[in-house]
């Protein structure tokens, strides 16, 4: 199985330069060959391997190439990236996921939770403020030492009920939490080694995923 290759990124680059319905209609077979079909095969294979790592089944989701432009000033109709998420089907109410994003000239892999609803957010903050937060802080420090990127806090101030000088004040400002691996080129996702290559990178994010999944 070959999955993605150089043509996948070339298509995204061409789409960025010709982001119109007319151009896309004339190049849809190329889109299907370079992105749509490889994405479906990669998502299924990757989900199986992540299930072994996770210990439970995961549901892959390939995000649409079509943009939702209803509330956006940018009316270009297509996304110029291809994104896939893998979320456990069992576990916490808001489980962490694994994320894959093939960009025009690079690759981004990640793990985490984009945002908690009210009750889950309360529990998330309680864990951060308590002894478990010390473990999370150590996990994130190790991630930073390895050059990983941590999502920015959502709030400018520490939420009500917590001291502004709390030792984990920055973490308490998050409404969700994700860590990203920015790969300078996309070759990691090329060819028959794409799944084991990406799995090895995801394993580096396992401590964070495990903490969030508890």
Protein backbone atom coordinates (compact mmCIF):
# COMPACT_ATOMS: atom_id res chain seq x y z
CA UNK A 1 0.00 0.00 0.00
CA UNK A 2 1.50 3.35 -1.05
CA UNK A 3 -0.91 5.85 0.56
CA UNK A 4 0.29 9.42 -0.10
CA UNK A 5 3.21 10.56 -2.28
CA UNK A 6 4.64 13.74 -3.80
CA UNK A 7 1.61 14.13 -6.02
CA UNK A 8 -0.56 14.56 -2.91
CA UNK A 9 1.27 17.72 -1.87
CA UNK A 10 1.52 18.95 -5.45
CA UNK A 11 -2.25 18.74 -5.76
CA UNK A 12 -2.72 20.79 -2.58
CA UNK A 13 -0.28 23.39 -3.89
CA UNK A 14 -2.12 23.59 -7.21
CA UNK A 15 -5.43 23.86 -5.41
CA UNK A 16 -4.10 26.77 -3.33
CA UNK A 17 -3.27 28.62 -6.56
CA UNK A 18 -6.54 27.71 -8.29
CA UNK A 19 -9.09 27.59 -5.49
CA UNK A 20 -12.26 27.67 -7.54
CA UNK A 21 -15.13 25.30 -8.27
CA UNK A 22 -14.37 25.39 -11.97
CA UNK A 23 -10.75 24.31 -11.52
CA UNK A 24 -11.63 21.63 -8.98
CA UNK A 25 -14.34 20.17 -11.22
CA UNK A 26 -11.78 19.74 -14.00
CA UNK A 27 -9.27 18.11 -11.65
CA UNK A 28 -11.56 15.96 -9.51
CA UNK A 29 -10.16 12.65 -10.81
CA UNK A 30 -6.70 13.88 -9.78
CA UNK A 31 -8.03 14.79 -6.33
CA UNK A 32 -9.53 11.33 -5.94
CA UNK A 33 -6.32 9.60 -7.01
CA UNK A 34 -3.85 11.80 -5.07
CA UNK A 35 -5.81 12.49 -1.88
CA UNK A 36 -9.26 10.99 -1.45
CA UNK A 37 -8.46 7.31 -2.07
CA UNK A 38 -5.06 7.32 -0.27
CA UNK A 39 -6.66 9.10 2.70
CA UNK A 40 -9.36 6.44 3.06
CA UNK A 41 -6.83 3.61 2.93
CA UNK A 42 -4.41 5.36 5.29
CA UNK A 43 -7.17 6.20 7.78
CA UNK A 44 -8.33 2.58 8.01
CA UNK A 45 -4.81 1.20 8.40
CA UNK A 46 -3.77 3.87 10.90
CA UNK A 47 -6.90 3.34 13.01
CA UNK A 48 -6.07 -0.37 13.32
CA UNK A 49 -2.56 0.38 14.57
CA UNK A 50 -3.70 3.10 16.95
CA UNK A 51 -6.29 0.68 18.31
CA UNK A 52 -3.43 -1.62 19.35
CA UNK A 53 -1.65 1.32 21.00
CA UNK A 54 -4.82 2.65 22.60
CA UNK A 55 -6.25 -0.68 23.69
CA UNK A 56 -9.74 0.12 22.35
CA UNK A 57 -11.38 0.83 19.00
CA UNK A 58 -10.99 4.21 17.33
CA UNK A 59 -13.18 5.91 14.77
CA UNK A 60 -11.32 7.67 11.94
CA UNK A 61 -12.79 10.81 10.40
CA UNK A 62 -11.54 12.34 7.16
CA UNK A 63 -12.46 16.00 7.08
CA UNK A 64 -14.16 17.35 3.98
CA UNK A 65 -12.17 19.14 1.30
CA UNK A 66 -15.11 21.55 1.01
CA UNK A 67 -14.93 24.59 3.27
CA UNK A 68 -17.89 25.90 5.26
CA UNK A 69 -17.88 29.52 4.07
CA UNK A 70 -21.22 30.60 5.57
CA UNK A 71 -19.69 32.70 8.35
CA UNK A 72 -16.25 33.33 6.86
CA UNK A 73 -14.92 36.36 5.03
CA UNK A 74 -12.74 33.96 3.05
CA UNK A 75 -15.06 32.50 0.42
CA UNK A 76 -12.56 30.17 -1.27
CA UNK A 77 -14.48 26.90 -1.55
CA UNK A 78 -11.81 24.30 -0.75
CA UNK A 79 -9.41 23.47 2.06
CA UNK A 80 -5.79 23.33 0.94
CA UNK A 81 -4.89 20.64 3.46
CA UNK A 82 -6.12 17.14 4.24
CA UNK A 83 -6.98 16.34 7.83
CA UNK A 84 -7.88 13.12 9.61
CA UNK A 85 -8.78 12.52 13.25
CA UNK A 86 -8.84 9.26 15.19
CA UNK A 87 -11.03 9.31 18.31
CA UNK A 88 -11.63 6.42 20.77
CA UNK A 89 -15.17 5.06 20.66
CA UNK A 90 -15.06 4.31 24.39
CA UNK A 91 -13.62 6.23 27.33
CA UNK A 92 -14.20 9.68 28.81
CA UNK A 93 -17.17 11.80 27.75
CA UNK A 94 -14.76 13.94 25.71
CA UNK A 95 -11.93 11.58 24.75
CA UNK A 96 -8.61 12.79 23.39
CA UNK A 97 -7.89 12.15 19.74
CA UNK A 98 -4.99 11.63 17.38
CA UNK A 99 -4.68 14.11 14.53
CA UNK A 100 -3.09 14.03 11.07
CA UNK A 101 -2.78 17.02 8.75
CA UNK A 102 -1.14 16.86 5.35
CA UNK A 103 -0.36 20.47 4.46
CA UNK A 104 0.86 21.91 1.15
CA UNK A 105 4.54 21.33 1.94
CA UNK A 106 4.73 19.70 5.36
CA UNK A 107 3.01 17.38 7.82
CA UNK A 108 1.51 17.98 11.27
CA UNK A 109 0.71 15.20 13.76
CA UNK A 110 -0.90 15.76 17.13
CA UNK A 111 -2.89 14.49 20.06
CA UNK A 112 -5.26 16.07 22.54
CA UNK A 113 -8.68 17.61 23.06
CA UNK A 114 -9.73 20.76 21.24
CA UNK A 115 -12.27 21.89 23.83
CA UNK A 116 -14.24 20.62 26.83
CA UNK A 117 -17.87 21.32 27.59
CA UNK A 118 -18.75 22.82 30.97
CA UNK A 119 -18.85 19.73 33.22
CA UNK A 120 -15.79 18.15 31.59
CA UNK A 121 -13.95 21.48 31.72
CA UNK A 122 -14.56 21.70 35.48
CA UNK A 123 -13.07 18.22 35.97
CA UNK A 124 -10.16 19.04 33.65
CA UNK A 125 -9.30 22.10 35.75
CA UNK A 126 -9.65 20.17 38.99
CA UNK A 127 -7.14 17.61 37.73
CA UNK A 128 -4.73 20.37 36.68
CA UNK A 129 -5.01 22.13 40.03
CA UNK A 130 -4.52 18.91 42.00
CA UNK A 131 -1.68 16.37 42.22
CA UNK A 132 -2.39 15.03 38.72
CA UNK A 133 -1.49 18.46 37.36
CA UNK A 134 2.11 17.97 38.46
CA UNK A 135 2.31 14.90 36.23
CA UNK A 136 0.77 16.77 33.31
CA UNK A 137 3.22 19.63 33.77
CA UNK A 138 6.12 17.18 33.61
CA UNK A 139 4.69 15.53 30.48
CA UNK A 140 4.36 18.87 28.71
CA UNK A 141 7.84 19.95 29.77
CA UNK A 142 9.24 16.76 28.24
CA UNK A 143 7.28 17.45 25.05
CA UNK A 144 8.73 20.94 24.81
CA UNK A 145 12.22 19.59 25.37
CA UNK A 146 11.68 17.40 22.31
CA UNK A 147 10.64 20.37 20.18
CA UNK A 148 6.90 19.75 20.26
CA UNK A 149 4.37 22.59 20.09
CA UNK A 150 1.73 23.02 22.80
CA UNK A 151 -1.61 24.64 22.00
CA UNK A 152 -2.01 28.21 23.22
CA UNK A 153 -4.18 28.98 26.29
CA UNK A 154 -7.75 29.99 25.49
CA UNK A 155 -8.13 32.51 28.31
CA UNK A 156 -6.15 35.66 29.07
CA UNK A 157 -6.64 35.19 32.81
CA UNK A 158 -6.84 32.31 35.24
CA UNK A 159 -10.51 31.27 35.59
CA UNK A 160 -12.53 32.24 38.64
CA UNK A 161 -11.99 30.03 41.66
CA UNK A 162 -8.23 29.66 41.17
CA UNK A 163 -5.41 31.88 42.38
CA UNK A 164 -3.70 33.93 39.70
CA UNK A 165 -0.35 32.79 41.09
CA UNK A 166 -1.25 29.09 41.00
CA UNK A 167 1.87 27.06 40.01
CA UNK A 168 -0.03 25.78 36.97
CA UNK A 169 -1.81 29.02 36.14
CA UNK A 170 -0.97 28.80 32.44
CA UNK A 171 -2.49 25.33 32.17
CA UNK A 172 -5.65 26.46 33.96
CA UNK A 173 -6.19 28.99 31.16
CA UNK A 174 -6.75 26.16 28.69
CA UNK A 175 -10.24 24.97 27.72
CA UNK A 176 -8.66 22.05 25.91
CA UNK A 177 -5.13 20.86 25.34
CA UNK A 178 -3.20 19.49 22.37
CA UNK A 179 0.44 18.88 21.52
CA UNK A 180 1.71 19.04 17.94
CA UNK A 181 4.62 17.57 16.03
CA UNK A 182 5.50 19.83 13.10
CA UNK A 183 7.36 17.81 10.48
CA UNK A 184 9.20 20.07 8.00
CA UNK A 185 8.32 17.87 5.04
CA UNK A 186 5.63 15.34 4.30
CA UNK A 187 7.77 12.36 3.33
CA UNK A 188 6.93 10.66 6.63
CA UNK A 189 3.47 10.00 5.17
CA UNK A 190 4.71 8.76 1.80
CA UNK A 191 4.75 5.19 0.60
CA UNK A 192 4.23 1.86 2.28
CA UNK A 193 6.01 2.95 5.49
CA UNK A 194 3.58 5.79 6.18
CA UNK A 195 1.62 3.98 8.90
CA UNK A 196 4.59 2.69 10.95
CA UNK A 197 6.37 6.03 10.51
CA UNK A 198 3.41 8.01 11.81
CA UNK A 199 2.72 5.47 14.55
CA UNK A 200 6.25 5.93 15.87
CA UNK A 201 5.62 9.67 16.11
CA UNK A 202 2.26 9.16 17.81
CA UNK A 203 3.94 6.97 20.41
CA UNK A 204 5.94 10.03 21.46
CA UNK A 205 2.59 11.68 22.30
CA UNK A 206 1.30 8.69 24.26
CA UNK A 207 1.98 10.12 27.76
CA UNK A 208 -0.25 13.12 27.02
CA UNK A 209 -2.96 11.00 25.40
CA UNK A 210 -2.93 8.60 28.35
CA UNK A 211 -3.23 11.45 30.87
CA UNK A 212 -6.15 13.02 29.02
CA UNK A 213 -7.85 9.65 28.55
CA UNK A 214 -8.05 8.89 32.26
